[in-house]
Amino acid sequence: MAPSLGIIVTRGAVGAVIHAAGDDPVMVESPSVMPSDTNGAGDTFCGVLAALLTEGWALHDAAEMACKAGAIACLSIGAQSGMPTRDILTAH
């Protein structure tokens, strides 16, 4: 079966909204953090989302983890150095 069409709108510190075809929009909240640098947070979100979807995660679960990863990425200075590893992501 082909996946349903839709989009995810990222909303920074607020989280993201999943707009899947035929469904009501679903808000995915982001953990609250005191950011040091937001560079790379969106890239982190997209990378984690893509990786988890490729692994077969459900869209909502993958988006929750991607929001968490984006928030963690804001805790360090620099886009690349802020991206959490899987170990860091699962430890939080």
PDB file of N, CA and C in Angstrom:
ATOM      1  N   MET A   1       0.841  -1.172   0.000  1.00  0.00           N
ATOM      2  CA  MET A   1       0.000   0.000   0.000  1.00  0.00           C
ATOM      3  C   MET A   1       0.890   1.239   0.000  1.00  0.00           C
ATOM      4  N   ALA A   2       0.569   2.205  -0.821  1.00  0.00           N
ATOM      5  CA  ALA A   2       1.338   3.447  -0.900  1.00  0.00           C
ATOM      6  C   ALA A   2       1.050   4.310   0.317  1.00  0.00           C
ATOM      7  N   PRO A   3       2.085   5.030   0.823  1.00  0.00           N
ATOM      8  CA  PRO A   3       1.850   5.899   1.975  1.00  0.00           C
ATOM      9  C   PRO A   3       0.917   7.044   1.608  1.00  0.00           C
ATOM     10  N   SER A   4       0.153   7.529   2.608  1.00  0.00           N
ATOM     11  CA  SER A   4      -0.729   8.666   2.347  1.00  0.00           C
ATOM     12  C   SER A   4       0.106   9.930   2.197  1.00  0.00           C
ATOM     13  N   LEU A   5      -0.409  10.856   1.416  1.00  0.00           N
ATOM     14  CA  LEU A   5       0.294  12.100   1.198  1.00  0.00           C
ATOM     15  C   LEU A   5       0.028  13.056   2.348  1.00  0.00           C
ATOM     16  N   GLY A   6       0.961  13.901   2.614  1.00  0.00           N
ATOM     17  CA  GLY A   6       0.800  14.877   3.673  1.00  0.00           C
ATOM     18  C   GLY A   6       2.054  15.708   3.827  1.00  0.00           C
ATOM     19  N   ILE A   7       2.017  16.598   4.792  1.00  0.00           N
ATOM     20  CA  ILE A   7       3.178  17.440   5.083  1.00  0.00           C
ATOM     21  C   ILE A   7       3.339  17.547   6.601  1.00  0.00           C
ATOM     22  N   ILE A   8       4.546  17.918   7.004  1.00  0.00           N
ATOM     23  CA  ILE A   8       4.813  18.252   8.395  1.00  0.00           C
ATOM     24  C   ILE A   8       5.309  19.684   8.403  1.00  0.00           C
ATOM     25  N   VAL A   9       4.664  20.508   9.206  1.00  0.00           N
ATOM     26  CA  VAL A   9       5.072  21.902   9.353  1.00  0.00           C
ATOM     27  C   VAL A   9       5.825  22.015  10.675  1.00  0.00           C
ATOM     28  N   THR A  10       7.105  22.389  10.594  1.00  0.00           N
ATOM     29  CA  THR A  10       7.866  22.582  11.820  1.00  0.00           C
ATOM     30  C   THR A  10       7.580  23.983  12.346  1.00  0.00           C
ATOM     31  N   ARG A  11       7.507  24.081  13.678  1.00  0.00           N
ATOM     32  CA  ARG A  11       7.141  25.347  14.304  1.00  0.00           C
ATOM     33  C   ARG A  11       8.117  25.731  15.410  1.00  0.00           C
ATOM     34  N   GLY A  12       9.400  25.376  15.209  1.00  0.00           N
ATOM     35  CA  GLY A  12      10.425  25.762  16.161  1.00  0.00           C
ATOM     36  C   GLY A  12      10.170  25.207  17.549  1.00  0.00           C
ATOM     37  N   ALA A  13      10.258  26.086  18.542  1.00  0.00           N
ATOM     38  CA  ALA A  13      10.108  25.666  19.941  1.00  0.00           C
ATOM     39  C   ALA A  13       8.735  25.096  20.243  1.00  0.00           C
ATOM     40  N   VAL A  14       7.754  25.392  19.417  1.00  0.00           N
ATOM     41  CA  VAL A  14       6.396  24.894  19.637  1.00  0.00           C
ATOM     42  C   VAL A  14       6.295  23.415  19.273  1.00  0.00           C
ATOM     43  N   GLY A  15       7.051  22.969  18.287  1.00  0.00           N
ATOM     44  CA  GLY A  15       7.017  21.585  17.835  1.00  0.00           C
ATOM     45  C   GLY A  15       6.746  21.481  16.360  1.00  0.00           C
ATOM     46  N   ALA A  16       5.807  20.637  15.994  1.00  0.00           N
ATOM     47  CA  ALA A  16       5.481  20.417  14.587  1.00  0.00           C
ATOM     48  C   ALA A  16       4.010  20.018  14.466  1.00  0.00           C
ATOM     49  N   VAL A  17       3.472  20.206  13.278  1.00  0.00           N
ATOM     50  CA  VAL A  17       2.094  19.802  13.006  1.00  0.00           C
ATOM     51  C   VAL A  17       2.117  18.842  11.820  1.00  0.00           C
ATOM     52  N   ILE A  18       1.512  17.674  12.025  1.00  0.00           N
ATOM     53  CA  ILE A  18       1.400  16.682  10.957  1.00  0.00           C
ATOM     54  C   ILE A  18       0.074  16.901  10.249  1.00  0.00           C
ATOM     55  N   HIS A  19       0.130  17.120   8.945  1.00  0.00           N
ATOM     56  CA  HIS A  19      -1.060  17.257   8.113  1.00  0.00           C
ATOM     57  C   HIS A  19      -1.058  16.068   7.152  1.00  0.00           C
ATOM     58  N   ALA A  20      -1.684  14.970   7.552  1.00  0.00           N
ATOM     59  CA  ALA A  20      -1.751  13.780   6.711  1.00  0.00           C
ATOM     60  C   ALA A  20      -3.064  13.788   5.934  1.00  0.00           C
ATOM     61  N   ALA A  21      -3.009  13.335   4.716  1.00  0.00           N
ATOM     62  CA  ALA A  21      -4.185  13.326   3.850  1.00  0.00           C
ATOM     63  C   ALA A  21      -5.337  12.581   4.520  1.00  0.00           C
ATOM     64  N   GLY A  22      -6.489  13.232   4.587  1.00  0.00           N
ATOM     65  CA  GLY A  22      -7.683  12.610   5.125  1.00  0.00           C
ATOM     66  C   GLY A  22      -7.802  12.629   6.636  1.00  0.00           C
ATOM     67  N   ASP A  23      -6.804  13.172   7.327  1.00  0.00           N
ATOM     68  CA  ASP A  23      -6.830  13.217   8.794  1.00  0.00           C
ATOM     69  C   ASP A  23      -6.813  14.661   9.275  1.00  0.00           C
ATOM     70  N   ASP A  24      -7.291  14.875  10.495  1.00  0.00           N
ATOM     71  CA  ASP A  24      -7.171  16.188  11.116  1.00  0.00           C
ATOM     72  C   ASP A  24      -5.703  16.447  11.439  1.00  0.00           C
ATOM     73  N   PRO A  25      -5.279  17.721  11.431  1.00  0.00           N
ATOM     74  CA  PRO A  25      -3.896  18.036  11.815  1.00  0.00           C
ATOM     75  C   PRO A  25      -3.603  17.556  13.237  1.00  0.00           C
ATOM     76  N   VAL A  26      -2.390  17.078  13.448  1.00  0.00           N
ATOM     77  CA  VAL A  26      -1.969  16.581  14.755  1.00  0.00           C
ATOM     78  C   VAL A  26      -0.746  17.369  15.208  1.00  0.00           C
ATOM     79  N   MET A  27      -0.837  17.978  16.396  1.00  0.00           N
ATOM     80  CA  MET A  27       0.270  18.736  16.960  1.00  0.00           C
ATOM     81  C   MET A  27       1.222  17.795  17.693  1.00  0.00           C
ATOM     82  N   VAL A  28       2.505  17.974  17.441  1.00  0.00           N
ATOM     83  CA  VAL A  28       3.542  17.235  18.153  1.00  0.00           C
ATOM     84  C   VAL A  28       4.363  18.277  18.901  1.00  0.00           C
ATOM     85  N   GLU A  29       4.331  18.219  20.225  1.00  0.00           N
ATOM     86  CA  GLU A  29       5.024  19.229  21.019  1.00  0.00           C
ATOM     87  C   GLU A  29       6.517  18.953  21.098  1.00  0.00           C
ATOM     88  N   SER A  30       7.257  20.041  21.234  1.00  0.00           N
ATOM     89  CA  SER A  30       8.695  19.947  21.425  1.00  0.00           C
ATOM     90  C   SER A  30       9.015  20.118  22.898  1.00  0.00           C
ATOM     91  N   PRO A  31      10.012  19.397  23.411  1.00  0.00           N
ATOM     92  CA  PRO A  31      10.413  19.617  24.796  1.00  0.00           C
ATOM     93  C   PRO A  31      10.884  21.060  24.992  1.00  0.00           C
ATOM     94  N   SER A  32      10.633  21.601  26.156  1.00  0.00           N
ATOM     95  CA  SER A  32      11.049  22.965  26.466  1.00  0.00           C
ATOM     96  C   SER A  32      12.513  22.964  26.908  1.00  0.00           C
ATOM     97  N   VAL A  33      13.321  23.783  26.244  1.00  0.00           N
ATOM     98  CA  VAL A  33      14.740  23.909  26.589  1.00  0.00           C
ATOM     99  C   VAL A  33      15.128  25.387  26.594  1.00  0.00           C
ATOM    100  N   MET A  34      16.240  25.685  27.223  1.00  0.00           N
ATOM    101  CA  MET A  34      16.834  27.024  27.150  1.00  0.00           C
ATOM    102  C   MET A  34      17.920  26.953  26.080  1.00  0.00           C
ATOM    103  N   PRO A  35      17.616  27.403  24.852  1.00  0.00           N
ATOM    104  CA  PRO A  35      18.551  27.215  23.749  1.00  0.00           C
ATOM    105  C   PRO A  35      19.816  28.063  23.872  1.00  0.00           C
ATOM    106  N   SER A  36      20.923  27.462  23.450  1.00  0.00           N
ATOM    107  CA  SER A  36      22.185  28.175  23.317  1.00  0.00           C
ATOM    108  C   SER A  36      22.369  28.640  21.881  1.00  0.00           C
ATOM    109  N   ASP A  37      21.888  27.829  20.926  1.00  0.00           N
ATOM    110  CA  ASP A  37      22.057  28.113  19.507  1.00  0.00           C
ATOM    111  C   ASP A  37      21.044  27.265  18.732  1.00  0.00           C
ATOM    112  N   THR A  38      20.204  27.911  17.948  1.00  0.00           N
ATOM    113  CA  THR A  38      19.180  27.163  17.210  1.00  0.00           C
ATOM    114  C   THR A  38      19.635  26.742  15.807  1.00  0.00           C
ATOM    115  N   ASN A  39      20.856  27.099  15.419  1.00  0.00           N
ATOM    116  CA  ASN A  39      21.357  26.671  14.107  1.00  0.00           C
ATOM    117  C   ASN A  39      21.390  25.147  14.038  1.00  0.00           C
ATOM    118  N   GLY A  40      20.812  24.600  13.018  1.00  0.00           N
ATOM    119  CA  GLY A  40      20.835  23.162  12.804  1.00  0.00           C
ATOM    120  C   GLY A  40      19.675  22.404  13.411  1.00  0.00           C
ATOM    121  N   ALA A  41      18.816  23.081  14.183  1.00  0.00           N
ATOM    122  CA  ALA A  41      17.697  22.374  14.810  1.00  0.00           C
ATOM    123  C   ALA A  41      16.747  21.795  13.763  1.00  0.00           C
ATOM    124  N   GLY A  42      16.429  22.566  12.745  1.00  0.00           N
ATOM    125  CA  GLY A  42      15.544  22.088  11.684  1.00  0.00           C
ATOM    126  C   GLY A  42      16.169  20.966  10.880  1.00  0.00           C
ATOM    127  N   ASP A  43      17.459  21.084  10.610  1.00  0.00           N
ATOM    128  CA  ASP A  43      18.168  20.024   9.891  1.00  0.00           C
ATOM    129  C   ASP A  43      18.193  18.749  10.719  1.00  0.00           C
ATOM    130  N   THR A  44      18.396  18.906  12.022  1.00  0.00           N
ATOM    131  CA  THR A  44      18.379  17.749  12.917  1.00  0.00           C
ATOM    132  C   THR A  44      17.007  17.089  12.893  1.00  0.00           C
ATOM    133  N   PHE A  45      15.950  17.900  12.988  1.00  0.00           N
ATOM    134  CA  PHE A  45      14.586  17.371  12.936  1.00  0.00           C
ATOM    135  C   PHE A  45      14.400  16.552  11.662  1.00  0.00           C
ATOM    136  N   CYS A  46      14.739  17.121  10.523  1.00  0.00           N
ATOM    137  CA  CYS A  46      14.524  16.435   9.237  1.00  0.00           C
ATOM    138  C   CYS A  46      15.344  15.157   9.123  1.00  0.00           C
ATOM    139  N   GLY A  47      16.584  15.205   9.577  1.00  0.00           N
ATOM    140  CA  GLY A  47      17.441  14.026   9.499  1.00  0.00           C
ATOM    141  C   GLY A  47      16.945  12.889  10.363  1.00  0.00           C
ATOM    142  N   VAL A  48      16.555  13.213  11.594  1.00  0.00           N
ATOM    143  CA  VAL A  48      16.047  12.185  12.505  1.00  0.00           C
ATOM    144  C   VAL A  48      14.717  11.641  11.990  1.00  0.00           C
ATOM    145  N   LEU A  49      13.843  12.519  11.536  1.00  0.00           N
ATOM    146  CA  LEU A  49      12.558  12.069  10.990  1.00  0.00           C
ATOM    147  C   LEU A  49      12.774  11.111   9.822  1.00  0.00           C
ATOM    148  N   ALA A  50      13.624  11.484   8.880  1.00  0.00           N
ATOM    149  CA  ALA A  50      13.880  10.629   7.711  1.00  0.00           C
ATOM    150  C   ALA A  50      14.484   9.290   8.120  1.00  0.00           C
ATOM    151  N   ALA A  51      15.447   9.324   9.036  1.00  0.00           N
ATOM    152  CA  ALA A  51      16.096   8.080   9.467  1.00  0.00           C
ATOM    153  C   ALA A  51      15.099   7.144  10.133  1.00  0.00           C
ATOM    154  N   LEU A  52      14.265   7.687  11.013  1.00  0.00           N
ATOM    155  CA  LEU A  52      13.314   6.834  11.731  1.00  0.00           C
ATOM    156  C   LEU A  52      12.209   6.302  10.824  1.00  0.00           C
ATOM    157  N   LEU A  53      11.754   7.121   9.886  1.00  0.00           N
ATOM    158  CA  LEU A  53      10.753   6.633   8.927  1.00  0.00           C
ATOM    159  C   LEU A  53      11.339   5.512   8.069  1.00  0.00           C
ATOM    160  N   THR A  54      12.606   5.653   7.702  1.00  0.00           N
ATOM    161  CA  THR A  54      13.281   4.614   6.922  1.00  0.00           C
ATOM    162  C   THR A  54      13.375   3.318   7.714  1.00  0.00           C
ATOM    163  N   GLU A  55      13.497   3.450   9.044  1.00  0.00           N
ATOM    164  CA  GLU A  55      13.556   2.268   9.911  1.00  0.00           C
ATOM    165  C   GLU A  55      12.178   1.656  10.169  1.00  0.00           C
ATOM    166  N   GLY A  56      11.121   2.309   9.681  1.00  0.00           N
ATOM    167  CA  GLY A  56       9.784   1.761   9.830  1.00  0.00           C
ATOM    168  C   GLY A  56       8.978   2.328  10.984  1.00  0.00           C
ATOM    169  N   TRP A  57       9.472   3.391  11.634  1.00  0.00           N
ATOM    170  CA  TRP A  57       8.715   4.013  12.726  1.00  0.00           C
ATOM    171  C   TRP A  57       7.426   4.615  12.190  1.00  0.00           C
ATOM    172  N   ALA A  58       6.413   4.657  13.026  1.00  0.00           N
ATOM    173  CA  ALA A  58       5.166   5.350  12.700  1.00  0.00           C
ATOM    174  C   ALA A  58       5.453   6.853  12.621  1.00  0.00           C
ATOM    175  N   LEU A  59       4.720   7.544  11.772  1.00  0.00           N
ATOM    176  CA  LEU A  59       4.966   8.968  11.541  1.00  0.00           C
ATOM    177  C   LEU A  59       4.911   9.783  12.828  1.00  0.00           C
ATOM    178  N   HIS A  60       3.890   9.604  13.639  1.00  0.00           N
ATOM    179  CA  HIS A  60       3.762  10.392  14.864  1.00  0.00           C
ATOM    180  C   HIS A  60       4.921  10.123  15.828  1.00  0.00           C
ATOM    181  N   ASP A  61       5.288   8.861  15.992  1.00  0.00           N
ATOM    182  CA  ASP A  61       6.395   8.511  16.884  1.00  0.00           C
ATOM    183  C   ASP A  61       7.714   9.097  16.376  1.00  0.00           C
ATOM    184  N   ALA A  62       7.926   9.017  15.068  1.00  0.00           N
ATOM    185  CA  ALA A  62       9.145   9.570  14.472  1.00  0.00           C
ATOM    186  C   ALA A  62       9.181  11.084  14.636  1.00  0.00           C
ATOM    187  N   ALA A  63       8.041  11.739  14.471  1.00  0.00           N
ATOM    188  CA  ALA A  63       7.984  13.193  14.623  1.00  0.00           C
ATOM    189  C   ALA A  63       8.239  13.608  16.071  1.00  0.00           C
ATOM    190  N   GLU A  64       7.735  12.833  17.029  1.00  0.00           N
ATOM    191  CA  GLU A  64       8.018  13.129  18.439  1.00  0.00           C
ATOM    192  C   GLU A  64       9.505  13.046  18.732  1.00  0.00           C
ATOM    193  N   MET A  65      10.151  12.003  18.241  1.00  0.00           N
ATOM    194  CA  MET A  65      11.590  11.846  18.469  1.00  0.00           C
ATOM    195  C   MET A  65      12.372  12.928  17.722  1.00  0.00           C
ATOM    196  N   ALA A  66      11.915  13.306  16.545  1.00  0.00           N
ATOM    197  CA  ALA A  66      12.579  14.367  15.777  1.00  0.00           C
ATOM    198  C   ALA A  66      12.473  15.708  16.495  1.00  0.00           C
ATOM    199  N   CYS A  67      11.317  15.987  17.105  1.00  0.00           N
ATOM    200  CA  CYS A  67      11.168  17.219  17.903  1.00  0.00           C
ATOM    201  C   CYS A  67      12.124  17.201  19.085  1.00  0.00           C
ATOM    202  N   LYS A  68      12.239  16.064  19.725  1.00  0.00           N
ATOM    203  CA  LYS A  68      13.160  15.911  20.853  1.00  0.00           C
ATOM    204  C   LYS A  68      14.599  16.156  20.387  1.00  0.00           C
ATOM    205  N   ALA A  69      14.966  15.598  19.244  1.00  0.00           N
ATOM    206  CA  ALA A  69      16.318  15.771  18.707  1.00  0.00           C
ATOM    207  C   ALA A  69      16.585  17.235  18.363  1.00  0.00           C
ATOM    208  N   GLY A  70      15.601  17.901  17.764  1.00  0.00           N
ATOM    209  CA  GLY A  70      15.764  19.313  17.436  1.00  0.00           C
ATOM    210  C   GLY A  70      15.967  20.162  18.679  1.00  0.00           C
ATOM    211  N   ALA A  71      15.239  19.842  19.741  1.00  0.00           N
ATOM    212  CA  ALA A  71      15.393  20.577  20.992  1.00  0.00           C
ATOM    213  C   ALA A  71      16.782  20.346  21.590  1.00  0.00           C
ATOM    214  N   ILE A  72      17.244  19.103  21.589  1.00  0.00           N
ATOM    215  CA  ILE A  72      18.570  18.788  22.113  1.00  0.00           C
ATOM    216  C   ILE A  72      19.649  19.495  21.304  1.00  0.00           C
ATOM    217  N   ALA A  73      19.440  19.606  19.995  1.00  0.00           N
ATOM    218  CA  ALA A  73      20.419  20.272  19.128  1.00  0.00           C
ATOM    219  C   ALA A  73      20.619  21.731  19.510  1.00  0.00           C
ATOM    220  N   CYS A  74      19.624  22.338  20.138  1.00  0.00           N
ATOM    221  CA  CYS A  74      19.708  23.751  20.533  1.00  0.00           C
ATOM    222  C   CYS A  74      20.535  23.970  21.792  1.00  0.00           C
ATOM    223  N   LEU A  75      20.950  22.907  22.435  1.00  0.00           N
ATOM    224  CA  LEU A  75      21.668  23.029  23.699  1.00  0.00           C
ATOM    225  C   LEU A  75      23.169  23.244  23.526  1.00  0.00           C
ATOM    226  N   SER A  76      23.676  23.085  22.298  1.00  0.00           N
ATOM    227  CA  SER A  76      25.097  23.257  22.016  1.00  0.00           C
ATOM    228  C   SER A  76      25.293  24.338  20.968  1.00  0.00           C
ATOM    229  N   ILE A  77      26.478  24.904  20.950  1.00  0.00           N
ATOM    230  CA  ILE A  77      26.820  25.912  19.948  1.00  0.00           C
ATOM    231  C   ILE A  77      27.264  25.195  18.675  1.00  0.00           C
ATOM    232  N   GLY A  78      26.713  25.615  17.538  1.00  0.00           N
ATOM    233  CA  GLY A  78      27.095  25.051  16.250  1.00  0.00           C
ATOM    234  C   GLY A  78      26.104  24.017  15.751  1.00  0.00           C
ATOM    235  N   ALA A  79      25.876  24.046  14.451  1.00  0.00           N
ATOM    236  CA  ALA A  79      24.887  23.153  13.852  1.00  0.00           C
ATOM    237  C   ALA A  79      25.298  21.689  13.943  1.00  0.00           C
ATOM    238  N   GLN A  80      26.504  21.382  13.521  1.00  0.00           N
ATOM    239  CA  GLN A  80      26.918  19.986  13.483  1.00  0.00           C
ATOM    240  C   GLN A  80      27.195  19.445  14.888  1.00  0.00           C
ATOM    241  N   SER A  81      27.845  20.217  15.717  1.00  0.00           N
ATOM    242  CA  SER A  81      28.187  19.728  17.053  1.00  0.00           C
ATOM    243  C   SER A  81      26.952  19.558  17.938  1.00  0.00           C
ATOM    244  N   GLY A  82      25.855  20.239  17.600  1.00  0.00           N
ATOM    245  CA  GLY A  82      24.644  20.132  18.394  1.00  0.00           C
ATOM    246  C   GLY A  82      23.792  18.928  18.074  1.00  0.00           C
ATOM    247  N   MET A  83      24.003  18.314  16.918  1.00  0.00           N
ATOM    248  CA  MET A  83      23.161  17.173  16.536  1.00  0.00           C
ATOM    249  C   MET A  83      23.424  15.991  17.464  1.00  0.00           C
ATOM    250  N   PRO A  84      22.384  15.507  18.142  1.00  0.00           N
ATOM    251  CA  PRO A  84      22.588  14.413  19.100  1.00  0.00           C
ATOM    252  C   PRO A  84      22.802  13.077  18.400  1.00  0.00           C
ATOM    253  N   THR A  85      23.610  12.242  19.012  1.00  0.00           N
ATOM    254  CA  THR A  85      23.756  10.871  18.540  1.00  0.00           C
ATOM    255  C   THR A  85      22.530  10.087  19.005  1.00  0.00           C
ATOM    256  N   ARG A  86      22.365   8.899  18.494  1.00  0.00           N
ATOM    257  CA  ARG A  86      21.239   8.060  18.926  1.00  0.00           C
ATOM    258  C   ARG A  86      21.346   7.760  20.418  1.00  0.00           C
ATOM    259  N   ASP A  87      22.553   7.543  20.923  1.00  0.00           N
ATOM    260  CA  ASP A  87      22.725   7.276  22.354  1.00  0.00           C
ATOM    261  C   ASP A  87      22.269   8.448  23.199  1.00  0.00           C
ATOM    262  N   ILE A  88      22.628   9.655  22.803  1.00  0.00           N
ATOM    263  CA  ILE A  88      22.209  10.851  23.540  1.00  0.00           C
ATOM    264  C   ILE A  88      20.694  11.007  23.450  1.00  0.00           C
ATOM    265  N   LEU A  89      20.151  10.796  22.268  1.00  0.00           N
ATOM    266  CA  LEU A  89      18.720  10.955  22.052  1.00  0.00           C
ATOM    267  C   LEU A  89      17.912   9.986  22.896  1.00  0.00           C
ATOM    268  N   THR A  90      18.328   8.749  22.972  1.00  0.00           N
ATOM    269  CA  THR A  90      17.576   7.766  23.736  1.00  0.00           C
ATOM    270  C   THR A  90      17.809   7.896  25.240  1.00  0.00           C
ATOM    271  N   ALA A  91      18.890   8.552  25.650  1.00  0.00           N
ATOM    272  CA  ALA A  91      19.173   8.729  27.075  1.00  0.00           C
ATOM    273  C   ALA A  91      18.308   9.824  27.692  1.00  0.00           C
ATOM    274  N   HIS A  92      17.802  10.723  26.870  1.00  0.00           N
ATOM    275  CA  HIS A  92      16.987  11.836  27.397  1.00  0.00           C
ATOM    276  C   HIS A  92      15.536  11.464  27.482  1.00  0.00           C
TER     277      HIS A  92
END
